[in-house]
Protein backbone atom coordinates (compact mmCIF):
# COMPACT_ATOMS: atom_id res chain seq x y z
CA MET A 1 84.47 -54.09 -64.62
CA ILE A 2 82.35 -55.18 -67.59
CA GLU A 3 81.61 -51.54 -68.43
CA ARG A 4 85.34 -50.70 -68.34
CA GLY A 5 86.06 -53.58 -70.69
CA ILE A 6 83.38 -52.45 -73.14
CA THR A 7 84.68 -48.87 -72.97
CA TRP A 8 88.22 -50.05 -73.68
CA TYR A 9 87.00 -52.17 -76.60
CA THR A 10 85.01 -49.22 -77.99
CA GLN A 11 88.05 -46.97 -77.81
CA LEU A 12 90.12 -49.63 -79.51
CA LEU A 13 87.64 -49.86 -82.37
CA SER A 14 87.45 -46.07 -82.68
CA GLY A 15 91.12 -46.00 -83.51
CA THR A 16 90.60 -48.11 -86.59
CA GLY A 17 88.86 -45.30 -88.48
CA LEU A 18 85.63 -47.21 -89.08
CA SER A 19 82.28 -45.42 -89.43
CA ASP A 20 80.01 -45.03 -86.37
CA GLY A 21 77.43 -47.46 -87.77
CA MET A 22 80.06 -50.11 -88.40
CA LEU A 23 81.55 -49.57 -84.93
CA VAL A 24 78.13 -50.14 -83.28
CA PHE A 25 77.55 -53.24 -85.40
CA ILE A 26 80.92 -54.78 -84.56
CA GLU A 27 80.57 -53.89 -80.88
CA ASN A 28 77.11 -55.50 -80.62
CA ALA A 29 78.18 -58.53 -82.65
CA THR A 30 81.13 -59.03 -80.33
CA ILE A 31 78.91 -58.79 -77.23
CA ILE A 32 76.48 -61.30 -78.74
CA VAL A 33 79.24 -63.78 -79.57
CA VAL A 34 80.84 -63.38 -76.13
CA THR A 35 77.44 -63.77 -74.47
CA ILE A 36 76.71 -66.98 -76.39
CA ILE A 37 80.14 -68.37 -75.51
CA LEU A 38 79.79 -67.45 -71.83
CA ALA A 39 76.23 -68.86 -71.67
CA ALA A 40 77.32 -72.13 -73.26
CA LEU A 41 80.34 -72.30 -70.97
CA ALA A 42 78.20 -71.62 -67.89
CA ASP A 43 75.72 -74.30 -68.98
CA LEU A 44 78.56 -76.77 -69.51
CA ILE A 45 80.20 -76.03 -66.16
CA VAL A 46 76.98 -76.20 -64.16
CA LYS A 47 75.53 -79.33 -65.80
CA ARG A 48 78.63 -81.38 -66.54
CA ILE A 49 80.68 -80.51 -63.47
CA ILE A 50 78.60 -79.10 -60.61
CA ILE A 51 75.46 -81.22 -61.15
CA SER A 52 77.51 -84.37 -61.74
CA ALA A 53 79.45 -83.68 -58.56
CA ILE A 54 76.24 -83.21 -56.58
CA ALA A 55 74.79 -86.47 -57.97
CA THR A 56 77.99 -88.35 -57.05
CA LEU A 57 78.02 -86.82 -53.56
CA THR A 58 74.39 -87.73 -52.85
CA LYS A 59 75.04 -91.38 -53.73
CA ARG A 60 77.74 -91.56 -51.08
CA THR A 61 75.61 -90.15 -48.27
CA LYS A 62 73.54 -92.35 -45.98
CA ASN A 63 70.46 -90.15 -46.23
CA ASP A 64 67.72 -90.91 -48.76
CA TRP A 65 66.24 -87.43 -48.98
CA ASP A 66 69.12 -86.00 -51.06
CA ASP A 67 68.67 -88.83 -53.58
CA VAL A 68 65.04 -87.75 -53.93
CA PHE A 69 66.11 -84.21 -54.88
CA VAL A 70 68.36 -85.64 -57.59
CA LYS A 71 65.62 -88.00 -58.78
CA GLN A 72 63.10 -85.13 -59.07
CA LYS A 73 65.71 -83.10 -61.07
CA VAL A 74 65.69 -80.13 -58.71
CA PHE A 75 69.36 -79.31 -59.38
CA ASN A 76 69.10 -80.03 -63.12
CA ARG A 77 66.30 -77.52 -63.53
CA LEU A 78 68.08 -74.98 -61.34
CA ALA A 79 71.10 -75.23 -63.66
CA HIS A 80 69.09 -73.62 -66.49
CA LEU A 81 69.27 -70.30 -64.63
CA ALA A 82 73.03 -69.89 -65.20
CA PRO A 83 72.99 -69.20 -68.98
CA ALA A 84 69.74 -67.24 -68.67
CA LEU A 85 71.27 -64.85 -66.13
CA ILE A 86 74.26 -64.22 -68.41
CA VAL A 87 72.00 -63.46 -71.38
CA TYR A 88 69.72 -61.22 -69.27
CA TYR A 89 72.54 -59.04 -67.96
CA ALA A 90 74.31 -58.93 -71.33
CA LEU A 91 71.25 -57.50 -73.08
CA GLN A 92 71.65 -54.12 -71.37
CA TYR A 93 74.82 -53.53 -73.35
CA ILE A 94 73.26 -54.29 -76.77
CA PHE A 95 71.49 -52.01 -79.28
CA ASP A 96 71.31 -49.07 -76.90
CA ALA A 97 68.18 -50.29 -75.11
CA THR A 98 65.91 -50.44 -78.18
CA ASP A 99 62.43 -52.01 -78.20
CA LEU A 100 63.94 -55.23 -79.44
CA VAL A 101 66.27 -55.34 -76.43
CA LYS A 102 63.33 -54.73 -74.10
CA PHE A 103 61.40 -57.55 -75.75
CA LEU A 104 64.36 -59.93 -75.51
CA GLY A 105 64.86 -58.88 -71.90
CA ASN A 106 61.22 -59.62 -71.09
CA LEU A 107 61.48 -62.93 -72.94
CA THR A 108 64.58 -63.88 -70.96
CA GLN A 109 62.92 -62.79 -67.72
CA THR A 110 59.90 -64.95 -68.59
CA TYR A 111 62.21 -67.89 -69.21
CA MET A 112 63.82 -67.40 -65.79
CA ILE A 113 60.42 -67.19 -64.11
CA LEU A 114 59.39 -70.46 -65.76
CA VAL A 115 62.68 -72.09 -64.71
CA VAL A 116 62.15 -70.99 -61.10
CA LEU A 117 58.57 -72.28 -61.32
CA MET A 118 59.79 -75.68 -62.54
CA VAL A 119 62.39 -75.76 -59.75
CA ILE A 120 59.67 -75.08 -57.16
CA ASP A 121 57.50 -77.76 -58.77
CA SER A 122 60.32 -80.32 -58.54
CA LEU A 123 61.12 -79.22 -54.99
CA LEU A 124 57.50 -79.73 -53.89
CA ASN A 125 57.43 -83.15 -55.60
CA ALA A 126 60.62 -84.11 -53.76
CA LEU A 127 59.25 -82.94 -50.41
CA HIS A 128 56.04 -84.90 -51.04
CA GLU A 129 57.99 -88.04 -51.90
CA ILE A 130 60.07 -87.67 -48.73
CA TYR A 131 56.87 -87.21 -46.73
CA THR A 132 55.32 -90.39 -48.14
CA LYS A 133 58.26 -92.35 -46.74
CA LEU A 134 57.58 -91.12 -43.20
CA PRO A 135 55.34 -93.14 -40.84
CA ILE A 136 52.98 -90.19 -40.35
CA SER A 137 52.08 -90.23 -44.06
CA LYS A 138 50.07 -93.46 -43.61
CA GLY A 139 47.36 -91.54 -41.81
CA ARG A 140 47.51 -88.21 -43.66
CA ASN A 141 47.62 -87.64 -47.41
CA ILE A 142 48.92 -84.18 -48.37
CA LYS A 143 48.92 -84.48 -52.16
CA GLY A 144 45.92 -82.15 -52.40
CA PHE A 145 47.71 -79.48 -50.33
CA ILE A 146 50.84 -79.83 -52.49
CA GLN A 147 48.74 -79.24 -55.60
CA VAL A 148 47.16 -76.14 -54.03
CA VAL A 149 50.61 -74.71 -53.27
CA LYS A 150 51.62 -75.42 -56.88
CA ILE A 151 48.55 -73.59 -58.17
CA ILE A 152 49.46 -70.56 -56.02
CA PHE A 153 52.97 -70.47 -57.47
CA TYR A 154 51.60 -70.92 -61.02
CA PHE A 155 49.30 -68.00 -60.40
CA ILE A 156 52.18 -65.84 -59.12
CA ALA A 157 54.29 -66.80 -62.14
CA VAL A 158 51.53 -65.75 -64.55
CA ILE A 159 51.20 -62.40 -62.74
CA LEU A 160 54.97 -61.81 -62.95
CA ILE A 161 55.09 -62.67 -66.66
CA ILE A 162 52.18 -60.34 -67.46
CA SER A 163 53.85 -57.65 -65.35
CA ALA A 164 57.12 -58.05 -67.28
CA PHE A 165 55.51 -57.50 -70.69
CA SER A 166 52.94 -54.89 -69.63
CA GLU A 167 55.38 -52.95 -67.42
CA GLU A 168 52.68 -52.79 -64.76
CA PRO A 169 53.65 -53.56 -61.15
CA PRO A 170 52.35 -56.91 -59.83
CA LYS A 171 50.34 -55.14 -57.09
CA SER A 172 48.29 -53.27 -59.70
CA LEU A 173 47.59 -56.49 -61.57
CA MET A 174 46.55 -58.23 -58.34
CA ALA A 175 44.15 -55.38 -57.54
CA GLY A 176 42.62 -55.63 -61.01
CA LEU A 177 41.99 -59.33 -60.56
CA GLY A 178 39.57 -58.55 -57.74
CA ALA A 179 36.97 -57.68 -60.35
CA MET A 180 37.48 -61.10 -61.94
CA ALA A 181 36.86 -62.96 -58.68
CA ALA A 182 33.41 -64.15 -59.75
CA VAL A 183 34.77 -65.45 -63.05
CA LEU A 184 37.67 -67.19 -61.30
CA LEU A 185 35.29 -68.84 -58.82
CA LEU A 186 33.25 -70.17 -61.73
CA VAL A 187 36.27 -71.41 -63.70
CA PHE A 188 37.98 -73.01 -60.71
CA LYS A 189 34.81 -74.29 -59.03
CA ASP A 190 35.90 -77.93 -59.08
CA THR A 191 39.38 -77.02 -57.87
CA ILE A 192 37.99 -75.01 -54.95
CA LEU A 193 35.56 -77.77 -54.03
CA GLY A 194 38.37 -80.31 -54.30
CA PHE A 195 40.60 -78.22 -52.06
CA VAL A 196 37.96 -77.94 -49.35
CA ALA A 197 37.20 -81.66 -49.68
CA SER A 198 40.90 -82.52 -49.40
CA ILE A 199 41.11 -80.61 -46.13
CA GLN A 200 38.06 -82.43 -44.75
CA LEU A 201 39.28 -85.86 -45.91
CA SER A 202 42.68 -85.27 -44.35
CA ALA A 203 41.46 -83.64 -41.14
CA ASN A 204 38.84 -86.33 -40.47
CA ASN A 205 41.03 -89.19 -41.72
CA MET A 206 38.16 -90.37 -43.93
CA VAL A 207 40.19 -92.07 -46.65
CA ASN A 208 43.86 -92.67 -47.43
CA VAL A 209 45.86 -94.30 -50.19
CA GLY A 210 45.64 -98.06 -49.75
CA ASP A 211 42.14 -98.06 -48.20
CA TRP A 212 39.50 -100.33 -49.64
CA ILE A 213 36.42 -98.27 -50.44
CA SER A 214 33.21 -98.95 -52.34
CA MET A 215 31.01 -96.35 -54.01
CA PRO A 216 28.43 -97.98 -56.32
CA LYS A 217 27.37 -94.69 -57.92
CA TYR A 218 30.81 -94.39 -59.53
CA ASN A 219 31.30 -98.15 -60.03
CA ALA A 220 34.15 -98.03 -57.53
CA ASP A 221 34.98 -101.03 -55.36
CA GLY A 222 38.65 -101.55 -54.64
CA ASP A 223 41.84 -99.96 -53.29
CA VAL A 224 42.54 -96.23 -53.39
CA ILE A 225 45.71 -95.72 -55.43
CA ASP A 226 45.80 -91.92 -55.65
CA ILE A 227 44.22 -88.90 -53.97
CA SER A 228 44.67 -85.60 -55.78
CA LEU A 229 43.07 -82.18 -55.59
CA ASN A 230 40.28 -82.97 -58.05
CA THR A 231 40.03 -86.76 -58.24
CA VAL A 232 40.45 -89.95 -56.26
CA LYS A 233 41.52 -93.01 -58.25
CA VAL A 234 40.31 -96.45 -57.18
CA GLN A 235 41.64 -99.67 -58.67
CA ASN A 236 38.71 -102.07 -58.73
CA TRP A 237 39.12 -105.78 -58.11
CA ASP A 238 38.78 -106.41 -61.86
CA LYS A 239 41.83 -104.11 -62.31
CA THR A 240 39.82 -101.29 -63.91
CA ILE A 241 40.38 -97.75 -62.64
CA ALA A 242 37.41 -95.78 -61.30
CA THR A 243 37.75 -91.99 -60.94
CA ILE A 244 35.74 -90.22 -58.25
CA PRO A 245 35.56 -86.41 -57.77
CA THR A 246 37.26 -85.60 -54.48
CA TYR A 247 34.35 -83.51 -53.24
CA ALA A 248 31.97 -86.45 -53.86
CA LEU A 249 33.62 -88.34 -50.99
CA VAL A 250 32.49 -85.55 -48.67
CA SER A 251 29.08 -84.72 -50.12
CA GLU A 252 28.00 -88.35 -50.72
CA SER A 253 28.22 -91.62 -48.82
CA PHE A 254 30.78 -94.36 -49.41
CA ASN A 255 32.01 -97.43 -47.55
CA ASN A 256 35.54 -97.54 -46.21
CA TRP A 257 36.55 -101.08 -45.29
CA LYS A 258 39.58 -99.91 -43.33
CA GLY A 259 37.87 -100.69 -40.02
CA MET A 260 37.31 -104.27 -41.12
CA GLU A 261 40.94 -104.64 -42.16
CA GLU A 262 42.16 -103.24 -38.84
CA SER A 263 39.78 -105.41 -36.79
CA GLY A 264 41.53 -108.64 -37.75
CA GLY A 265 38.37 -110.31 -39.07
CA ARG A 266 36.01 -110.24 -42.04
CA ARG A 267 32.28 -110.73 -41.70
CA ILE A 268 30.45 -113.74 -43.04
CA LYS A 269 26.74 -112.94 -43.24
CA ARG A 270 24.77 -115.42 -45.28
CA SER A 271 21.62 -117.48 -44.80
CA ILE A 272 19.94 -120.59 -46.16
CA ASN A 273 16.16 -121.06 -46.37
CA ILE A 274 14.75 -124.06 -44.55
CA ASP A 275 11.51 -125.66 -45.72
CA MET A 276 9.27 -125.10 -42.70
CA ASN A 277 7.31 -128.28 -43.49
CA SER A 278 10.40 -130.29 -42.58
CA VAL A 279 10.67 -128.84 -39.04
CA THR A 280 9.53 -131.50 -36.50
CA PHE A 281 10.08 -132.75 -32.96
CA LEU A 282 12.85 -135.31 -32.62
CA SER A 283 11.86 -138.93 -32.19
CA PRO A 284 13.79 -141.21 -29.78
CA GLU A 285 15.52 -142.79 -32.78
CA GLN A 286 16.62 -139.40 -34.08
CA ILE A 287 17.82 -138.38 -30.63
CA GLU A 288 19.90 -141.52 -30.38
CA LYS A 289 21.32 -140.97 -33.86
CA LEU A 290 22.22 -137.31 -33.28
CA GLY A 291 23.57 -138.15 -29.82
CA ASN A 292 26.40 -140.01 -31.56
CA PHE A 293 27.59 -136.77 -33.18
CA HIS A 294 30.75 -135.68 -31.40
CA LEU A 295 29.73 -132.02 -31.44
CA LEU A 296 26.22 -132.74 -30.08
CA LYS A 297 26.82 -135.47 -27.51
CA ASP A 298 27.12 -133.22 -24.45
CA TYR A 299 24.39 -130.86 -25.64
CA ILE A 300 21.79 -133.60 -26.21
CA ASN A 301 22.51 -135.29 -22.89
CA ASN A 302 22.21 -132.03 -20.97
CA LYS A 303 19.15 -130.96 -22.94
CA GLN A 304 17.36 -134.25 -22.39
CA GLN A 305 17.96 -134.02 -18.67
CA GLU A 306 16.76 -130.41 -18.59
CA ILE A 307 13.59 -131.20 -20.55
CA ALA A 308 12.83 -134.28 -18.46
CA GLU A 309 13.10 -132.29 -15.24
CA PHE A 310 10.89 -129.54 -16.62
CA ASN A 311 8.19 -131.92 -17.84
CA LYS A 312 8.33 -133.80 -14.56
CA SER A 313 7.70 -130.57 -12.68
CA LEU A 314 4.47 -130.21 -14.67
CA ASN A 315 3.43 -133.83 -13.97
CA LEU A 316 3.24 -134.60 -17.67
CA GLU A 317 3.18 -138.11 -19.02
CA GLU A 318 5.95 -139.24 -21.34
CA GLY A 319 5.14 -138.87 -25.02
CA VAL A 320 2.68 -136.01 -24.50
CA VAL A 321 3.60 -133.24 -26.93
CA THR A 322 1.30 -130.50 -25.75
CA ASN A 323 2.38 -128.27 -22.84
CA GLY A 324 5.66 -130.12 -22.43
CA ARG A 325 9.02 -129.44 -24.04
CA LYS A 326 10.74 -131.49 -26.71
CA MET A 327 13.76 -131.01 -28.90
CA THR A 328 13.27 -130.05 -32.53
CA ASN A 329 15.45 -131.00 -35.45
CA LEU A 330 15.87 -127.32 -36.36
CA GLY A 331 16.95 -126.34 -32.83
CA VAL A 332 19.49 -129.18 -32.67
CA PHE A 333 20.74 -128.28 -36.16
CA ARG A 334 21.26 -124.67 -35.08
CA LYS A 335 23.21 -125.86 -32.02
CA TYR A 336 25.27 -128.15 -34.24
CA MET A 337 26.20 -125.22 -36.50
CA GLU A 338 27.24 -123.16 -33.48
CA GLU A 339 29.53 -125.93 -32.23
CA TYR A 340 30.84 -126.57 -35.73
CA LEU A 341 31.75 -122.90 -36.19
CA HIS A 342 33.21 -122.60 -32.68
CA HIS A 343 35.57 -125.45 -33.52
CA HIS A 344 36.40 -124.09 -36.98
CA PRO A 345 40.06 -122.95 -36.97
CA MET A 346 39.40 -119.98 -39.29
CA ILE A 347 36.39 -118.51 -37.44
CA SER A 348 36.97 -115.91 -34.74
CA ASN A 349 35.34 -116.62 -31.37
CA GLU A 350 36.21 -113.13 -30.09
CA MET A 351 33.99 -111.18 -32.49
CA THR A 352 30.23 -111.19 -33.10
CA PHE A 353 29.09 -114.83 -33.35
CA LEU A 354 25.49 -115.68 -34.25
CA VAL A 355 23.51 -118.52 -35.80
CA ARG A 356 19.97 -117.15 -35.85
CA HIS A 357 16.51 -117.34 -37.38
CA LEU A 358 15.30 -114.50 -39.54
CA GLN A 359 11.72 -113.54 -40.33
CA PRO A 360 9.93 -116.45 -42.08
CA THR A 361 8.78 -115.67 -45.62
CA ASP A 362 7.00 -117.45 -48.46
CA LYS A 363 10.45 -118.80 -49.37
CA GLY A 364 10.90 -120.60 -46.06
CA LEU A 365 12.65 -119.90 -42.77
CA PRO A 366 16.08 -118.24 -43.21
CA VAL A 367 18.79 -119.51 -40.87
CA GLU A 368 21.58 -116.95 -40.92
CA ILE A 369 25.22 -117.46 -40.06
CA TYR A 370 26.75 -114.22 -38.80
CA VAL A 371 30.40 -114.73 -37.87
CA PHE A 372 33.85 -113.35 -38.71
CA SER A 373 36.64 -115.17 -40.50
CA LYS A 374 40.22 -114.71 -39.29
CA ASP A 375 41.56 -114.45 -42.82
CA GLN A 376 40.68 -111.21 -44.64
CA ALA A 377 42.22 -112.04 -48.01
CA TRP A 378 39.45 -112.16 -50.58
CA ALA A 379 40.22 -115.56 -52.10
CA ASN A 380 40.79 -117.19 -48.70
CA TYR A 381 37.69 -115.55 -47.24
CA GLU A 382 35.51 -116.83 -50.08
CA ALA A 383 37.00 -120.32 -49.71
CA ILE A 384 36.23 -120.38 -45.96
CA GLN A 385 32.69 -119.19 -46.56
CA ALA A 386 32.13 -121.75 -49.32
CA ASP A 387 33.44 -124.61 -47.16
CA ILE A 388 31.07 -123.68 -44.35
CA PHE A 389 28.00 -123.64 -46.54
CA ASP A 390 29.06 -126.75 -48.44
CA HIS A 391 29.11 -128.55 -45.11
CA THR A 392 25.86 -126.92 -43.99
CA LEU A 393 23.93 -128.07 -47.06
CA ALA A 394 25.43 -131.55 -46.90
CA ILE A 395 24.62 -132.07 -43.19
CA LEU A 396 20.99 -130.90 -43.38
CA PRO A 397 19.54 -134.32 -44.37
CA GLU A 398 21.04 -135.83 -41.19
CA PHE A 399 18.57 -133.67 -39.27
CA ASP A 400 15.70 -134.53 -41.64
CA LEU A 401 15.59 -130.90 -42.78
CA ASN A 402 15.03 -129.74 -46.34
CA VAL A 403 16.31 -126.65 -48.09
CA PHE A 404 13.61 -124.52 -49.67
CA GLN A 405 14.06 -123.72 -53.33
CA ASN A 406 11.72 -123.01 -56.19
CA PRO A 407 10.86 -126.12 -58.20
CA THR A 408 12.84 -126.78 -61.35
CA GLY A 409 12.24 -128.93 -64.42
CA SER A 410 13.80 -131.97 -62.76
CA ASP A 411 11.40 -131.63 -59.80
CA PHE A 412 8.35 -131.77 -62.11
CA GLN A 413 9.85 -134.68 -63.98
CA LYS A 414 10.12 -136.66 -60.75
CA LEU A 415 6.45 -135.98 -60.02
CA THR A 416 5.38 -137.36 -63.39
CA GLU A 417 7.44 -140.54 -63.12
């Protein structure tokens, strides 16, 4: 139909008596003007009418996924194909297929390839955004796979563009790239490593967006905010952003605190050093004093009875320290801390619970508290831990125990007074 119209127009111009050169010029100028008008009209119809109608329709639907396609501009980018197709097919009727027409045709074809590439890019972004809203996305991050698919399409687009200008079939170009495999492996080394690492991270569920990880080598200690093909971004607690190569999470060690967050508790593991010179047996006066402690009343009564029966079985006289058993201030203090923590409302009694001695050193005898708080929030966790050790340090003198610490200037001043 288009060819018939051009033929009719050519015959009409021939009847005017114009020269052949002028006829060709007017014919081509007319085709160019008509092409520009049709391309502008197609662009106007598609963008102002069709795209607007699609956007209005998606707002009325109950589904969210169609809104994502509009948000990612899938339809907007697709609309750019309409004027490009008109220009591409109109070029075959201009200038009798000269080199300039071939160049413009290749240029238009390249533009269409880039438009299709951008449409695919937006489509993949939309699909990824839809996936992140699904429950399954919490355990599997596919951003790395999306980026790999994008790279494949970018590669195909480059091959098609080169093929358009070189007039070589894509298969021939693909075969020629085999010789460049070594160079490509070198150039895209990090990308290839990142791709393999992304598969391992996803398959083994090693890390996901939102996990708290720590990796001192890269000064990373905070929440994972993004996992891409080449990098993993971690927002540290001081709000700085640490960037870690994706493959480093596979080839090197890091801590993922996800298990702690899912357990319902957060570990408190801290010790205080007791001056071993202050550890003694309890005197009757001390026993009576500590027996008035609500948390120790039952323990001291039961322990006294147990020790008395044991010593009696050995026919030991009262007051004899050797061979017999007696309570120590450190042992009673340790029992007090156990009872205190058992009754603490923010300490879990269902997870590991220890108040223990560590190896004595030249800095005293460490008494370690190893328990789990019920609250995992950082500020609340630190407050619980601080309250426990505030109380621990304040209650020590009641047991006639001293904390070991290196002497300071005030200690020497007291000695000289």
